[in-house]
Amino acid sequence: MMEADYELAQRLQAEEQGELTIEERSKLFIELMDKRKKHFAKLRAEEIRRKPPTKAQKRNKDTELVKESFKKARVLQKKAGFYESSDEL
């Protein structure tokens, strides 16, 4: 971010000397704005990841874990032969 500001400052100084055309200035401005957008999007994403999960998110995660554990238990029980007779019905 600081590099972009530094480059922009240098190029603006060159602009004062009349070295940059309007197209070059507009291109530099667009590049700067794109970098700023990406930078702030990255900051927002980090902030969202830092927040603790809500109660509903915790509940959903716990529910998924319980379902997975029941599936694993069911597979183990089938391997051990507990459910073979009920599958024939």
Protein backbone atom coordinates (compact mmCIF):
# COMPACT_ATOMS: atom_id res chain seq x y z
CA MET A 1 0.00 0.00 0.00
CA MET A 2 2.79 2.36 0.91
CA GLU A 3 4.65 1.48 -2.29
CA ALA A 4 1.64 2.46 -4.37
CA ASP A 5 1.40 5.80 -2.56
CA TYR A 6 5.11 6.39 -3.05
CA GLU A 7 4.92 5.53 -6.75
CA LEU A 8 1.92 7.79 -7.16
CA ALA A 9 3.76 10.64 -5.43
CA GLN A 10 6.75 10.17 -7.71
CA ARG A 11 4.61 10.09 -10.79
CA LEU A 12 2.66 13.13 -9.68
CA GLN A 13 5.95 14.98 -9.35
CA ALA A 14 6.82 13.86 -12.86
CA GLU A 15 3.39 15.08 -13.92
CA GLU A 16 4.21 18.52 -12.63
CA GLN A 17 7.17 18.45 -14.95
CA GLY A 18 4.81 17.60 -17.80
CA GLU A 19 6.12 14.08 -18.46
CA LEU A 20 2.88 12.12 -18.04
CA THR A 21 0.00 12.17 -20.46
CA ILE A 22 -3.65 12.11 -19.49
CA GLU A 23 -3.90 8.40 -20.40
CA GLU A 24 -0.93 7.54 -18.18
CA ARG A 25 -2.40 9.52 -15.29
CA SER A 26 -5.77 7.85 -15.64
CA LYS A 27 -4.11 4.43 -15.82
CA LEU A 28 -2.10 5.14 -12.65
CA PHE A 29 -5.19 6.38 -10.86
CA ILE A 30 -7.13 3.25 -11.79
CA GLU A 31 -4.26 1.05 -10.62
CA LEU A 32 -4.14 2.90 -7.32
CA MET A 33 -7.88 2.54 -6.80
CA ASP A 34 -7.75 -1.19 -7.61
CA LYS A 35 -4.95 -1.68 -5.08
CA ARG A 36 -6.94 0.22 -2.46
CA LYS A 37 -10.05 -1.87 -3.13
CA LYS A 38 -8.09 -5.10 -2.76
CA HIS A 39 -6.37 -3.88 0.37
CA PHE A 40 -9.59 -2.91 2.13
CA ALA A 41 -11.36 -6.09 0.96
CA LYS A 42 -8.53 -8.07 2.53
CA LEU A 43 -8.92 -6.12 5.79
CA ARG A 44 -12.70 -6.77 5.84
CA ALA A 45 -12.15 -10.49 5.25
CA GLU A 46 -9.63 -10.67 8.10
CA GLU A 47 -12.05 -8.86 10.41
CA ILE A 48 -14.85 -11.29 9.58
CA ARG A 49 -12.59 -14.29 10.24
CA ARG A 50 -11.57 -12.85 13.61
CA LYS A 51 -15.14 -12.68 14.91
CA PRO A 52 -16.33 -15.61 17.03
CA PRO A 53 -19.14 -17.72 15.55
CA THR A 54 -22.73 -16.87 16.41
CA LYS A 55 -24.91 -19.18 18.48
CA ALA A 56 -26.63 -20.48 15.35
CA GLN A 57 -23.29 -21.19 13.67
CA LYS A 58 -22.08 -23.07 16.76
CA ARG A 59 -25.33 -25.07 16.88
CA ASN A 60 -25.05 -26.00 13.19
CA LYS A 61 -21.44 -27.08 13.65
CA ASP A 62 -22.33 -29.19 16.69
CA THR A 63 -25.24 -30.78 14.79
CA GLU A 64 -22.95 -31.68 11.89
CA LEU A 65 -20.42 -33.22 14.29
CA VAL A 66 -23.13 -35.32 15.97
CA LYS A 67 -24.44 -36.52 12.58
CA GLU A 68 -20.94 -37.50 11.49
CA SER A 69 -20.32 -39.40 14.71
CA PHE A 70 -23.62 -41.31 14.30
CA LYS A 71 -22.68 -42.21 10.72
CA LYS A 72 -19.29 -43.49 11.86
CA ALA A 73 -20.89 -45.48 14.68
CA ARG A 74 -23.41 -46.97 12.23
CA VAL A 75 -20.63 -48.05 9.86
CA LEU A 76 -18.69 -49.63 12.71
CA GLN A 77 -21.81 -51.44 13.93
CA LYS A 78 -22.53 -52.76 10.44
CA LYS A 79 -18.98 -54.06 10.23
CA ALA A 80 -19.45 -55.78 13.57
CA GLY A 81 -22.70 -57.38 12.35
CA PHE A 82 -25.26 -55.61 14.52
CA TYR A 83 -27.52 -54.43 11.66
CA GLU A 84 -27.31 -57.31 9.17
CA SER A 85 -30.59 -58.85 10.26
CA SER A 86 -32.47 -55.52 10.13
CA ASP A 87 -31.22 -54.87 6.55
CA GLU A 88 -33.02 -58.04 5.36
CA LEU A 89 -36.43 -56.79 6.58
